[in-house]
Amino acid sequence: MRHIPEVRRRRLGDELRKLRQSASLTSGETARLLGWHQSKVSRIETGVSGVKDEDLAALLDALGISDPQLRALLSALAGTSSGGPGWWMAYGGVIPPQYRDFISLESQARTARTLETSVVPGLLQTSSYARAVTRAALEGLPAATVDSLVDVRLARQEVLRAAKPLELHAVLDEAVLRREVGGPEVMRDQLRTLSLLAALPHVRLQVLPFSAGGYIGLTGPFVIFSFPHITDLDLVVLDHLTNSLYLERKEDLEAYCAAFRTMQAHALSPKDSLDLIAGIGDGA
């Protein structure tokens, strides 16, 4: 069983405890149903330890949880393959555990709210742009590894084409549009692709123009994930060069959600944002 971020273990434990209480079962009764020691149930519910694939499936069966989406989400939080192995597991030798965790959360989320201050969000990148970003951010990688990382980036974009697609709300600093990544032709193609994707009904794209001056998100990019079925499970992810930081405290979530609303209010409207993108693309 691989390492799972503590924030996810605690969140999973909280939800399993609520489901057990809704089923009117004590931890001792649940343990007896499963043939476990009560301490095992307690360790899982408090997030002290993770849970194996087969144990999570058995626990959800004992609690009467049959909804496939809820089971899949809980499996994603647990980092198990109970809902079927994610496609990203095939890239286990290329992408680090933190990135696999991020992708598993993204694949189960209902909504993603993201601020980007330097580059186009991964879900909206073209292959050429993704390749240029990867080469610049991770210098010296073998060509085959770069190819695999680009494949992963493009495969992630399937969440926007699913039957129930991810709702993406993206706020981009104008610098994202003007930073020439990969050369003029790569950038022109990327800007055209942004315009096409922004026209999708489940994608809302806004640009924070230079004229807006300083703003609260200047300290760095972030993503807020929201999930179906489970309330109060919003999760903030801060991406760093070698790691990802998960924020779960209510105060942190409220601060980032409020910051995102503020940036949306100061950003150009989706229509004006598209006009700006088109204008920059024409001049590129």
C-alpha atoms as a PDB file:
ATOM      1  CA  MET A   1       0.000   0.000   0.000  1.00  0.00           C
ATOM      2  CA  ARG A   2       1.638   3.245  -1.108  1.00  0.00           C
ATOM      3  CA  HIS A   3       2.012   6.408   0.931  1.00  0.00           C
ATOM      4  CA  ILE A   4      -1.083   8.602   1.025  1.00  0.00           C
ATOM      5  CA  PRO A   5      -0.924  12.264   2.124  1.00  0.00           C
ATOM      6  CA  GLU A   6      -2.078  12.703   5.708  1.00  0.00           C
ATOM      7  CA  VAL A   7      -4.757  15.177   4.648  1.00  0.00           C
ATOM      8  CA  ARG A   8      -6.416  12.512   2.515  1.00  0.00           C
ATOM      9  CA  ARG A   9      -6.209   9.856   5.234  1.00  0.00           C
ATOM     10  CA  ARG A  10      -7.890  12.188   7.699  1.00  0.00           C
ATOM     11  CA  ARG A  11     -10.575  13.224   5.231  1.00  0.00           C
ATOM     12  CA  LEU A  12     -11.271   9.602   4.351  1.00  0.00           C
ATOM     13  CA  GLY A  13     -11.431   8.666   8.023  1.00  0.00           C
ATOM     14  CA  ASP A  14     -13.884  11.473   8.789  1.00  0.00           C
ATOM     15  CA  GLU A  15     -16.186  10.396   5.963  1.00  0.00           C
ATOM     16  CA  LEU A  16     -16.051   6.719   6.924  1.00  0.00           C
ATOM     17  CA  ARG A  17     -16.886   7.621  10.519  1.00  0.00           C
ATOM     18  CA  LYS A  18     -19.900   9.683   9.361  1.00  0.00           C
ATOM     19  CA  LEU A  19     -21.068   6.812   7.146  1.00  0.00           C
ATOM     20  CA  ARG A  20     -20.718   4.363  10.046  1.00  0.00           C
ATOM     21  CA  GLN A  21     -22.721   6.622  12.334  1.00  0.00           C
ATOM     22  CA  SER A  22     -25.382   7.026   9.633  1.00  0.00           C
ATOM     23  CA  ALA A  23     -25.620   3.242   9.545  1.00  0.00           C
ATOM     24  CA  SER A  24     -26.208   3.303  13.344  1.00  0.00           C
ATOM     25  CA  LEU A  25     -23.157   1.157  13.996  1.00  0.00           C
ATOM     26  CA  THR A  26     -20.508   1.557  16.674  1.00  0.00           C
ATOM     27  CA  SER A  27     -16.863   1.041  15.801  1.00  0.00           C
ATOM     28  CA  GLY A  28     -16.966  -2.174  17.820  1.00  0.00           C
ATOM     29  CA  GLU A  29     -20.009  -3.475  15.946  1.00  0.00           C
ATOM     30  CA  THR A  30     -18.382  -2.626  12.629  1.00  0.00           C
ATOM     31  CA  ALA A  31     -15.211  -4.436  13.643  1.00  0.00           C
ATOM     32  CA  ARG A  32     -17.166  -7.554  14.627  1.00  0.00           C
ATOM     33  CA  LEU A  33     -19.012  -7.553  11.286  1.00  0.00           C
ATOM     34  CA  LEU A  34     -15.673  -7.569   9.501  1.00  0.00           C
ATOM     35  CA  GLY A  35     -13.777  -9.824  11.866  1.00  0.00           C
ATOM     36  CA  TRP A  36     -11.371  -7.001  12.717  1.00  0.00           C
ATOM     37  CA  HIS A  37     -10.071  -5.643  15.982  1.00  0.00           C
ATOM     38  CA  GLN A  38     -11.796  -2.417  17.018  1.00  0.00           C
ATOM     39  CA  SER A  39      -8.441  -0.599  17.008  1.00  0.00           C
ATOM     40  CA  LYS A  40      -8.169  -1.179  13.253  1.00  0.00           C
ATOM     41  CA  VAL A  41     -11.430   0.667  12.635  1.00  0.00           C
ATOM     42  CA  SER A  42     -10.273   3.449  14.956  1.00  0.00           C
ATOM     43  CA  ARG A  43      -6.912   3.833  13.204  1.00  0.00           C
ATOM     44  CA  ILE A  44      -8.638   4.121   9.826  1.00  0.00           C
ATOM     45  CA  GLU A  45     -11.236   6.617  11.077  1.00  0.00           C
ATOM     46  CA  THR A  46      -8.643   8.828  12.749  1.00  0.00           C
ATOM     47  CA  GLY A  47      -6.352   8.750   9.713  1.00  0.00           C
ATOM     48  CA  VAL A  48      -3.517   7.194  11.689  1.00  0.00           C
ATOM     49  CA  SER A  49      -3.194   4.453   9.081  1.00  0.00           C
ATOM     50  CA  GLY A  50      -4.277   3.986   5.497  1.00  0.00           C
ATOM     51  CA  VAL A  51      -6.550   1.239   4.253  1.00  0.00           C
ATOM     52  CA  LYS A  52      -5.888  -1.566   1.787  1.00  0.00           C
ATOM     53  CA  ASP A  53      -8.018  -2.057  -1.330  1.00  0.00           C
ATOM     54  CA  GLU A  54      -9.776  -5.162  -0.061  1.00  0.00           C
ATOM     55  CA  ASP A  55     -10.331  -3.708   3.424  1.00  0.00           C
ATOM     56  CA  LEU A  56     -11.948  -0.547   2.082  1.00  0.00           C
ATOM     57  CA  ALA A  57     -14.242  -2.584  -0.172  1.00  0.00           C
ATOM     58  CA  ALA A  58     -15.246  -4.821   2.752  1.00  0.00           C
ATOM     59  CA  LEU A  59     -15.843  -1.841   5.025  1.00  0.00           C
ATOM     60  CA  LEU A  60     -18.048  -0.085   2.468  1.00  0.00           C
ATOM     61  CA  ASP A  61     -20.006  -3.315   1.975  1.00  0.00           C
ATOM     62  CA  ALA A  62     -20.521  -3.597   5.729  1.00  0.00           C
ATOM     63  CA  LEU A  63     -21.772  -0.004   5.863  1.00  0.00           C
ATOM     64  CA  GLY A  64     -24.180  -0.623   2.988  1.00  0.00           C
ATOM     65  CA  ILE A  65     -22.508   1.812   0.597  1.00  0.00           C
ATOM     66  CA  SER A  66     -23.439   0.745  -2.928  1.00  0.00           C
ATOM     67  CA  ASP A  67     -23.308   4.046  -4.859  1.00  0.00           C
ATOM     68  CA  PRO A  68     -20.507   3.521  -7.407  1.00  0.00           C
ATOM     69  CA  GLN A  69     -19.496   7.205  -7.560  1.00  0.00           C
ATOM     70  CA  LEU A  70     -19.259   7.503  -3.790  1.00  0.00           C
ATOM     71  CA  ARG A  71     -17.237   4.285  -3.605  1.00  0.00           C
ATOM     72  CA  ALA A  72     -14.958   5.527  -6.399  1.00  0.00           C
ATOM     73  CA  LEU A  73     -14.382   8.848  -4.639  1.00  0.00           C
ATOM     74  CA  LEU A  74     -13.597   7.180  -1.320  1.00  0.00           C
ATOM     75  CA  SER A  75     -11.259   4.820  -3.164  1.00  0.00           C
ATOM     76  CA  ALA A  76      -9.528   7.805  -4.747  1.00  0.00           C
ATOM     77  CA  LEU A  77      -9.106   9.455  -1.343  1.00  0.00           C
ATOM     78  CA  ALA A  78      -7.696   6.195  -0.011  1.00  0.00           C
ATOM     79  CA  GLY A  79      -5.343   5.852  -2.953  1.00  0.00           C
ATOM     80  CA  THR A  80      -6.629   2.342  -3.580  1.00  0.00           C
ATOM     81  CA  SER A  81      -7.620   0.717  -6.838  1.00  0.00           C
ATOM     82  CA  SER A  82     -11.009  -0.430  -5.553  1.00  0.00           C
ATOM     83  CA  GLY A  83     -12.720   1.655  -8.216  1.00  0.00           C
ATOM     84  CA  GLY A  84     -10.439   0.223 -10.875  1.00  0.00           C
ATOM     85  CA  PRO A  85      -6.782   1.132 -11.420  1.00  0.00           C
ATOM     86  CA  GLY A  86      -6.344   4.647 -12.765  1.00  0.00           C
ATOM     87  CA  TRP A  87      -4.666   5.050 -16.143  1.00  0.00           C
ATOM     88  CA  TRP A  88      -1.928   7.078 -14.445  1.00  0.00           C
ATOM     89  CA  MET A  89      -0.669   3.992 -12.604  1.00  0.00           C
ATOM     90  CA  ALA A  90       0.907   2.868 -15.884  1.00  0.00           C
ATOM     91  CA  TYR A  91       3.248   5.854 -15.520  1.00  0.00           C
ATOM     92  CA  GLY A  92       4.298   4.962 -11.978  1.00  0.00           C
ATOM     93  CA  GLY A  93       7.948   4.867 -12.956  1.00  0.00           C
ATOM     94  CA  VAL A  94       7.793   8.345 -14.500  1.00  0.00           C
ATOM     95  CA  ILE A  95       5.566  10.519 -12.333  1.00  0.00           C
ATOM     96  CA  PRO A  96       6.128  10.925  -8.568  1.00  0.00           C
ATOM     97  CA  PRO A  97       3.528   9.850  -5.968  1.00  0.00           C
ATOM     98  CA  GLN A  98       2.443  13.454  -5.369  1.00  0.00           C
ATOM     99  CA  TYR A  99       1.544  13.891  -9.045  1.00  0.00           C
ATOM    100  CA  ARG A 100      -0.365  10.600  -9.063  1.00  0.00           C
ATOM    101  CA  ASP A 101      -2.273  11.792  -5.989  1.00  0.00           C
ATOM    102  CA  PHE A 102      -3.106  15.052  -7.748  1.00  0.00           C
ATOM    103  CA  ILE A 103      -4.345  13.256 -10.884  1.00  0.00           C
ATOM    104  CA  SER A 104      -6.501  10.847  -8.883  1.00  0.00           C
ATOM    105  CA  LEU A 105      -8.178  13.768  -7.112  1.00  0.00           C
ATOM    106  CA  GLU A 106      -8.632  15.646 -10.391  1.00  0.00           C
ATOM    107  CA  SER A 107     -10.237  12.592 -11.996  1.00  0.00           C
ATOM    108  CA  GLN A 108     -12.888  12.374  -9.253  1.00  0.00           C
ATOM    109  CA  ALA A 109     -13.565  16.092  -8.747  1.00  0.00           C
ATOM    110  CA  ARG A 110     -16.746  17.825  -9.834  1.00  0.00           C
ATOM    111  CA  THR A 111     -15.207  21.303 -10.027  1.00  0.00           C
ATOM    112  CA  ALA A 112     -11.684  22.698 -10.208  1.00  0.00           C
ATOM    113  CA  ARG A 113     -10.992  26.373  -9.573  1.00  0.00           C
ATOM    114  CA  THR A 114      -7.475  27.342 -10.540  1.00  0.00           C
ATOM    115  CA  LEU A 115      -5.292  30.421 -10.587  1.00  0.00           C
ATOM    116  CA  GLU A 116      -2.261  30.411 -12.879  1.00  0.00           C
ATOM    117  CA  THR A 117       0.270  33.205 -12.820  1.00  0.00           C
ATOM    118  CA  SER A 118       2.980  31.879 -15.173  1.00  0.00           C
ATOM    119  CA  VAL A 119       1.817  29.113 -17.511  1.00  0.00           C
ATOM    120  CA  VAL A 120      -1.368  27.813 -19.112  1.00  0.00           C
ATOM    121  CA  PRO A 121      -3.158  25.290 -16.856  1.00  0.00           C
ATOM    122  CA  GLY A 122      -2.228  21.700 -17.682  1.00  0.00           C
ATOM    123  CA  LEU A 123      -5.798  20.801 -18.641  1.00  0.00           C
ATOM    124  CA  LEU A 124      -5.712  23.471 -21.367  1.00  0.00           C
ATOM    125  CA  GLN A 125      -2.224  22.944 -22.788  1.00  0.00           C
ATOM    126  CA  THR A 126      -1.426  21.801 -26.315  1.00  0.00           C
ATOM    127  CA  SER A 127       1.115  19.016 -26.757  1.00  0.00           C
ATOM    128  CA  SER A 128       3.765  21.392 -28.100  1.00  0.00           C
ATOM    129  CA  TYR A 129       3.249  23.852 -25.262  1.00  0.00           C
ATOM    130  CA  ALA A 130       3.302  21.032 -22.689  1.00  0.00           C
ATOM    131  CA  ARG A 131       6.554  19.758 -24.149  1.00  0.00           C
ATOM    132  CA  ALA A 132       8.147  23.210 -24.002  1.00  0.00           C
ATOM    133  CA  VAL A 133       7.017  23.733 -20.387  1.00  0.00           C
ATOM    134  CA  THR A 134       8.285  20.295 -19.357  1.00  0.00           C
ATOM    135  CA  ARG A 135      11.680  20.835 -20.948  1.00  0.00           C
ATOM    136  CA  ALA A 136      12.040  24.261 -19.352  1.00  0.00           C
ATOM    137  CA  ALA A 137      10.906  23.205 -15.874  1.00  0.00           C
ATOM    138  CA  LEU A 138      12.800  19.904 -15.758  1.00  0.00           C
ATOM    139  CA  GLU A 139      16.049  20.425 -17.623  1.00  0.00           C
ATOM    140  CA  GLY A 140      18.152  17.471 -18.657  1.00  0.00           C
ATOM    141  CA  LEU A 141      15.408  14.850 -18.839  1.00  0.00           C
ATOM    142  CA  PRO A 142      15.802  12.100 -21.451  1.00  0.00           C
ATOM    143  CA  ALA A 143      13.598  12.580 -24.506  1.00  0.00           C
ATOM    144  CA  ALA A 144      11.609   9.428 -23.681  1.00  0.00           C
ATOM    145  CA  THR A 145      10.787  10.735 -20.206  1.00  0.00           C
ATOM    146  CA  VAL A 146       9.683  14.087 -21.638  1.00  0.00           C
ATOM    147  CA  ASP A 147       7.436  12.213 -24.084  1.00  0.00           C
ATOM    148  CA  SER A 148       5.856  10.236 -21.240  1.00  0.00           C
ATOM    149  CA  LEU A 149       5.237  13.344 -19.150  1.00  0.00           C
ATOM    150  CA  VAL A 150       3.581  15.050 -22.107  1.00  0.00           C
ATOM    151  CA  ASP A 151       1.432  11.940 -22.649  1.00  0.00           C
ATOM    152  CA  VAL A 152       0.327  12.153 -19.011  1.00  0.00           C
ATOM    153  CA  ARG A 153      -0.523  15.847 -19.384  1.00  0.00           C
ATOM    154  CA  LEU A 154      -2.669  15.156 -22.459  1.00  0.00           C
ATOM    155  CA  ALA A 155      -4.350  12.108 -20.900  1.00  0.00           C
ATOM    156  CA  ARG A 156      -5.401  14.258 -17.926  1.00  0.00           C
ATOM    157  CA  GLN A 157      -7.441  16.390 -20.318  1.00  0.00           C
ATOM    158  CA  GLU A 158      -9.928  13.539 -20.789  1.00  0.00           C
ATOM    159  CA  VAL A 159     -11.743  14.842 -17.692  1.00  0.00           C
ATOM    160  CA  LEU A 160     -12.944  17.739 -19.877  1.00  0.00           C
ATOM    161  CA  ARG A 161     -14.334  15.329 -22.477  1.00  0.00           C
ATOM    162  CA  ALA A 162     -16.035  12.854 -20.130  1.00  0.00           C
ATOM    163  CA  ALA A 163     -19.788  12.211 -20.140  1.00  0.00           C
ATOM    164  CA  LYS A 164     -19.915  14.222 -16.919  1.00  0.00           C
ATOM    165  CA  PRO A 165     -16.991  16.559 -17.490  1.00  0.00           C
ATOM    166  CA  LEU A 166     -15.035  18.406 -14.875  1.00  0.00           C
ATOM    167  CA  GLU A 167     -16.204  21.996 -14.461  1.00  0.00           C
ATOM    168  CA  LEU A 168     -13.103  24.121 -14.817  1.00  0.00           C
ATOM    169  CA  HIS A 169     -12.994  27.720 -13.662  1.00  0.00           C
ATOM    170  CA  ALA A 170      -9.621  29.222 -14.530  1.00  0.00           C
ATOM    171  CA  VAL A 171      -8.253  32.682 -13.802  1.00  0.00           C
ATOM    172  CA  LEU A 172      -5.055  33.491 -15.715  1.00  0.00           C
ATOM    173  CA  ASP A 173      -2.693  36.357 -15.178  1.00  0.00           C
ATOM    174  CA  GLU A 174      -2.167  38.239 -18.444  1.00  0.00           C
ATOM    175  CA  ALA A 175       1.503  37.252 -18.182  1.00  0.00           C
ATOM    176  CA  VAL A 176       0.457  33.662 -18.986  1.00  0.00           C
ATOM    177  CA  LEU A 177      -0.744  34.806 -22.400  1.00  0.00           C
ATOM    178  CA  ARG A 178       2.258  36.985 -23.182  1.00  0.00           C
ATOM    179  CA  ARG A 179       5.055  34.668 -22.025  1.00  0.00           C
ATOM    180  CA  GLU A 180       6.324  33.128 -25.255  1.00  0.00           C
ATOM    181  CA  VAL A 181       6.714  29.470 -24.312  1.00  0.00           C
ATOM    182  CA  GLY A 182       8.149  27.278 -27.072  1.00  0.00           C
ATOM    183  CA  GLY A 183       8.385  30.038 -29.666  1.00  0.00           C
ATOM    184  CA  PRO A 184       5.860  32.147 -31.630  1.00  0.00           C
ATOM    185  CA  GLU A 185       4.143  29.309 -33.518  1.00  0.00           C
ATOM    186  CA  VAL A 186       3.689  27.178 -30.401  1.00  0.00           C
ATOM    187  CA  MET A 187       2.241  30.166 -28.584  1.00  0.00           C
ATOM    188  CA  ARG A 188      -0.123  31.107 -31.420  1.00  0.00           C
ATOM    189  CA  ASP A 189      -1.468  27.540 -31.489  1.00  0.00           C
ATOM    190  CA  GLN A 190      -1.822  27.544 -27.705  1.00  0.00           C
ATOM    191  CA  LEU A 191      -3.792  30.789 -27.725  1.00  0.00           C
ATOM    192  CA  ARG A 192      -6.098  29.449 -30.460  1.00  0.00           C
ATOM    193  CA  THR A 193      -6.655  26.296 -28.409  1.00  0.00           C
ATOM    194  CA  LEU A 194      -7.429  28.357 -25.315  1.00  0.00           C
ATOM    195  CA  SER A 195     -10.137  30.187 -27.235  1.00  0.00           C
ATOM    196  CA  LEU A 196     -11.681  26.908 -28.439  1.00  0.00           C
ATOM    197  CA  LEU A 197     -11.645  25.285 -25.008  1.00  0.00           C
ATOM    198  CA  ALA A 198     -13.022  28.405 -23.328  1.00  0.00           C
ATOM    199  CA  ALA A 199     -16.103  28.065 -25.528  1.00  0.00           C
ATOM    200  CA  LEU A 200     -17.014  24.759 -23.855  1.00  0.00           C
ATOM    201  CA  PRO A 201     -20.024  25.096 -21.521  1.00  0.00           C
ATOM    202  CA  HIS A 202     -18.141  23.579 -18.566  1.00  0.00           C
ATOM    203  CA  VAL A 203     -15.054  25.795 -18.946  1.00  0.00           C
ATOM    204  CA  ARG A 204     -14.999  29.359 -17.611  1.00  0.00           C
ATOM    205  CA  LEU A 205     -11.853  31.279 -18.445  1.00  0.00           C
ATOM    206  CA  GLN A 206     -11.056  34.783 -17.193  1.00  0.00           C
ATOM    207  CA  VAL A 207      -7.940  36.894 -17.537  1.00  0.00           C
ATOM    208  CA  LEU A 208      -6.555  39.226 -14.895  1.00  0.00           C
ATOM    209  CA  PRO A 209      -5.152  42.063 -17.022  1.00  0.00           C
ATOM    210  CA  PHE A 210      -2.002  43.954 -16.141  1.00  0.00           C
ATOM    211  CA  SER A 211      -4.225  46.984 -15.603  1.00  0.00           C
ATOM    212  CA  ALA A 212      -5.688  45.287 -12.521  1.00  0.00           C
ATOM    213  CA  GLY A 213      -2.403  45.983 -10.740  1.00  0.00           C
ATOM    214  CA  GLY A 214      -1.428  43.931  -7.712  1.00  0.00           C
ATOM    215  CA  TYR A 215      -3.826  41.264  -6.520  1.00  0.00           C
ATOM    216  CA  ILE A 216      -4.117  38.710  -3.749  1.00  0.00           C
ATOM    217  CA  GLY A 217      -3.049  35.730  -5.881  1.00  0.00           C
ATOM    218  CA  LEU A 218       0.332  37.145  -6.876  1.00  0.00           C
ATOM    219  CA  THR A 219       1.993  34.894  -4.298  1.00  0.00           C
ATOM    220  CA  GLY A 220       1.481  31.838  -6.499  1.00  0.00           C
ATOM    221  CA  PRO A 221      -0.860  29.455  -8.331  1.00  0.00           C
ATOM    222  CA  PHE A 222      -3.305  27.119  -6.618  1.00  0.00           C
ATOM    223  CA  VAL A 223      -6.155  24.716  -7.337  1.00  0.00           C
ATOM    224  CA  ILE A 224      -9.359  24.191  -5.334  1.00  0.00           C
ATOM    225  CA  PHE A 225     -11.029  20.827  -5.901  1.00  0.00           C
ATOM    226  CA  SER A 226     -14.700  20.221  -5.056  1.00  0.00           C
ATOM    227  CA  PHE A 227     -16.220  16.740  -5.127  1.00  0.00           C
ATOM    228  CA  PRO A 228     -19.698  15.270  -5.666  1.00  0.00           C
ATOM    229  CA  HIS A 229     -21.615  13.486  -2.897  1.00  0.00           C
ATOM    230  CA  ILE A 230     -19.363  14.556  -0.020  1.00  0.00           C
ATOM    231  CA  THR A 231     -19.960  18.045   1.354  1.00  0.00           C
ATOM    232  CA  ASP A 232     -17.291  20.156   3.007  1.00  0.00           C
ATOM    233  CA  LEU A 233     -14.570  18.284   1.154  1.00  0.00           C
ATOM    234  CA  ASP A 234     -13.085  21.165  -0.802  1.00  0.00           C
ATOM    235  CA  LEU A 235      -9.328  20.780  -0.995  1.00  0.00           C
ATOM    236  CA  VAL A 236      -6.675  23.360  -1.861  1.00  0.00           C
ATOM    237  CA  VAL A 237      -3.514  22.184  -3.596  1.00  0.00           C
ATOM    238  CA  LEU A 238      -0.412  24.345  -3.809  1.00  0.00           C
ATOM    239  CA  ASP A 239       2.102  23.081  -6.362  1.00  0.00           C
ATOM    240  CA  HIS A 240       5.805  23.477  -5.699  1.00  0.00           C
ATOM    241  CA  LEU A 241       8.793  22.384  -7.752  1.00  0.00           C
ATOM    242  CA  THR A 242       9.335  19.101  -5.884  1.00  0.00           C
ATOM    243  CA  ASN A 243       6.138  18.610  -3.899  1.00  0.00           C
ATOM    244  CA  SER A 244       2.454  19.477  -3.506  1.00  0.00           C
ATOM    245  CA  LEU A 245       0.944  20.938  -0.348  1.00  0.00           C
ATOM    246  CA  TYR A 246      -2.632  19.999   0.576  1.00  0.00           C
ATOM    247  CA  LEU A 247      -4.575  22.511   2.675  1.00  0.00           C
ATOM    248  CA  GLU A 248      -7.603  21.264   4.607  1.00  0.00           C
ATOM    249  CA  ARG A 249      -8.120  23.688   7.497  1.00  0.00           C
ATOM    250  CA  LYS A 250     -11.458  25.449   7.291  1.00  0.00           C
ATOM    251  CA  GLU A 251      -9.740  28.828   7.614  1.00  0.00           C
ATOM    252  CA  ASP A 252      -7.391  28.056   4.705  1.00  0.00           C
ATOM    253  CA  LEU A 253     -10.222  26.840   2.479  1.00  0.00           C
ATOM    254  CA  GLU A 254     -12.316  29.908   3.232  1.00  0.00           C
ATOM    255  CA  ALA A 255      -9.349  32.203   2.548  1.00  0.00           C
ATOM    256  CA  TYR A 256      -8.553  30.632  -0.826  1.00  0.00           C
ATOM    257  CA  CYS A 257     -12.198  30.447  -1.897  1.00  0.00           C
ATOM    258  CA  ALA A 258     -12.656  34.111  -0.973  1.00  0.00           C
ATOM    259  CA  ALA A 259      -9.449  35.017  -2.812  1.00  0.00           C
ATOM    260  CA  PHE A 260     -10.629  33.219  -5.925  1.00  0.00           C
ATOM    261  CA  ARG A 261     -13.987  35.022  -5.854  1.00  0.00           C
ATOM    262  CA  THR A 262     -12.169  38.332  -5.495  1.00  0.00           C
ATOM    263  CA  MET A 263      -9.921  37.587  -8.463  1.00  0.00           C
ATOM    264  CA  GLN A 264     -12.911  36.548 -10.575  1.00  0.00           C
ATOM    265  CA  ALA A 265     -14.565  39.860  -9.723  1.00  0.00           C
ATOM    266  CA  HIS A 266     -11.488  41.853 -10.776  1.00  0.00           C
ATOM    267  CA  ALA A 267     -10.757  39.782 -13.871  1.00  0.00           C
ATOM    268  CA  LEU A 268     -12.152  40.480 -17.315  1.00  0.00           C
ATOM    269  CA  SER A 269     -15.449  38.826 -18.184  1.00  0.00           C
ATOM    270  CA  PRO A 270     -15.204  35.540 -20.111  1.00  0.00           C
ATOM    271  CA  LYS A 271     -16.125  37.388 -23.337  1.00  0.00           C
ATOM    272  CA  ASP A 272     -13.621  40.195 -22.818  1.00  0.00           C
ATOM    273  CA  SER A 273     -11.024  37.609 -21.854  1.00  0.00           C
ATOM    274  CA  LEU A 274     -11.563  35.792 -25.153  1.00  0.00           C
ATOM    275  CA  ASP A 275     -11.225  39.099 -27.000  1.00  0.00           C
ATOM    276  CA  LEU A 276      -7.922  39.762 -25.263  1.00  0.00           C
ATOM    277  CA  ILE A 277      -6.654  36.259 -26.052  1.00  0.00           C
ATOM    278  CA  ALA A 278      -7.614  36.680 -29.691  1.00  0.00           C
ATOM    279  CA  GLY A 279      -5.926  40.063 -29.877  1.00  0.00           C
ATOM    280  CA  ILE A 280      -2.683  38.749 -28.379  1.00  0.00           C
ATOM    281  CA  GLY A 281      -2.830  35.735 -30.705  1.00  0.00           C
ATOM    282  CA  ASP A 282      -3.237  37.914 -33.764  1.00  0.00           C
ATOM    283  CA  GLY A 283      -0.186  39.927 -32.773  1.00  0.00           C
ATOM    284  CA  ALA A 284       1.953  36.921 -31.840  1.00  0.00           C
END
